[in-house]
Amino acid sequence: MRFLMKVSIPNEPFNSYIKDGSVGHRMQAIMGEIKPEAVYFTAVHGVRTATLIVHFDDIAQMVHFAEPFFLQMNAEVEYHPVMLPEDLARANLEEMGKKWK
């Protein structure tokens, strides 16, 4: 199952990692471990934020994906299930519309 993973990263310890030069190594290590399909970096409400697309074969992988951010970045993590257009097509919305008029 595919999920959008939103990671909100507080200024500390991230600022310290930037200053000591370890931020790149830390982020590469995390990305190499979890291997997201896609990653985007932005700021949300003034907070550094990473948005990742990850795929779970087992829901227990939530821990595998989140813990590096918790332990290394003191981050907050949210998960949101997402679909591709072909997933939505398989949902058969026309049938649902007829059933739930």
Protein backbone atom coordinates (compact mmCIF):
# COMPACT_ATOMS: atom_id res chain seq x y z
CA MET A 1 0.00 0.00 0.00
CA ARG A 2 1.24 3.47 -0.91
CA PHE A 3 1.40 6.26 1.69
CA LEU A 4 2.28 9.92 1.71
CA MET A 5 4.60 10.42 4.68
CA LYS A 6 4.86 13.96 6.03
CA VAL A 7 7.91 14.61 8.19
CA SER A 8 8.07 17.87 10.15
CA ILE A 9 11.63 18.57 11.29
CA PRO A 10 12.21 21.02 14.17
CA ASN A 11 15.05 23.54 14.08
CA GLU A 12 16.97 21.55 16.65
CA PRO A 13 18.78 19.29 16.21
CA PHE A 14 18.64 20.02 12.44
CA ASN A 15 20.40 23.41 12.72
CA SER A 16 23.21 21.79 14.68
CA TYR A 17 23.58 19.11 11.98
CA ILE A 18 23.87 21.82 9.35
CA LYS A 19 26.52 23.64 11.37
CA ASP A 20 28.59 20.52 12.11
CA GLY A 21 28.35 19.33 8.50
CA SER A 22 26.55 16.05 9.26
CA VAL A 23 23.11 16.87 7.82
CA GLY A 24 23.82 15.49 4.34
CA HIS A 25 25.19 12.21 5.64
CA ARG A 26 22.26 11.79 8.05
CA MET A 27 19.61 12.48 5.39
CA GLN A 28 21.34 10.22 2.84
CA ALA A 29 21.52 7.43 5.42
CA ILE A 30 17.79 7.72 6.18
CA MET A 31 16.79 7.90 2.51
CA GLY A 32 19.04 4.96 1.68
CA GLU A 33 17.41 2.94 4.42
CA ILE A 34 13.76 3.64 3.61
CA LYS A 35 14.10 4.04 -0.18
CA PRO A 36 11.06 6.27 -0.86
CA GLU A 37 9.49 6.38 -4.33
CA ALA A 38 9.72 10.18 -4.23
CA VAL A 39 10.84 12.90 -1.81
CA TYR A 40 10.04 16.62 -1.76
CA PHE A 41 11.38 19.21 0.68
CA THR A 42 9.52 22.39 1.61
CA ALA A 43 8.46 24.48 4.58
CA VAL A 44 4.97 24.11 6.07
CA HIS A 45 3.89 26.77 8.58
CA GLY A 46 7.54 27.79 8.87
CA VAL A 47 8.77 24.27 9.69
CA ARG A 48 11.18 22.25 7.54
CA THR A 49 9.08 19.50 6.02
CA ALA A 50 9.82 16.45 3.90
CA THR A 51 7.01 14.79 1.95
CA LEU A 52 7.81 11.24 0.90
CA ILE A 53 5.93 8.59 -1.03
CA VAL A 54 6.57 5.19 0.55
CA HIS A 55 5.18 1.74 -0.14
CA PHE A 56 4.29 -0.70 2.64
CA ASP A 57 4.24 -4.43 2.09
CA ASP A 58 3.37 -4.78 5.79
CA ILE A 59 1.85 -2.12 8.04
CA ALA A 60 4.61 -2.83 10.59
CA GLN A 61 6.92 -0.96 8.20
CA MET A 62 5.48 2.28 9.60
CA VAL A 63 7.99 1.87 12.39
CA HIS A 64 10.84 1.18 9.97
CA PHE A 65 10.12 4.39 8.04
CA ALA A 66 9.43 6.71 10.99
CA GLU A 67 12.03 5.75 13.60
CA PRO A 68 15.07 7.17 11.77
CA PHE A 69 13.34 10.56 11.66
CA PHE A 70 12.26 10.32 15.30
CA LEU A 71 15.70 9.25 16.52
CA GLN A 72 17.93 11.36 14.26
CA MET A 73 15.84 14.50 13.71
CA ASN A 74 13.37 14.66 16.64
CA ALA A 75 10.74 14.91 13.88
CA GLU A 76 6.98 14.52 13.84
CA VAL A 77 5.66 12.01 11.30
CA GLU A 78 2.23 11.64 9.71
CA TYR A 79 0.99 8.99 7.27
CA HIS A 80 -1.78 9.39 4.70
CA PRO A 81 -2.86 6.58 2.33
CA VAL A 82 -2.74 7.66 -1.32
CA MET A 83 -3.83 6.21 -4.66
CA LEU A 84 -2.62 6.38 -8.20
CA PRO A 85 -5.20 7.09 -10.95
CA GLU A 86 -5.35 3.38 -11.77
CA ASP A 87 -6.10 2.58 -8.11
CA LEU A 88 -9.01 5.03 -8.19
CA ALA A 89 -10.26 3.46 -11.44
CA ARG A 90 -10.42 0.05 -9.73
CA ALA A 91 -12.60 1.55 -6.98
CA ASN A 92 -15.58 1.51 -9.39
CA LEU A 93 -17.09 4.84 -8.39
CA GLU A 94 -19.99 4.43 -10.82
CA GLU A 95 -21.23 1.36 -8.92
CA MET A 96 -20.83 3.19 -5.61
CA GLY A 97 -22.85 6.09 -6.99
CA LYS A 98 -25.70 3.80 -8.00
CA LYS A 99 -25.67 1.99 -4.67
CA TRP A 100 -25.57 5.10 -2.48
CA LYS A 101 -27.92 7.50 -4.36
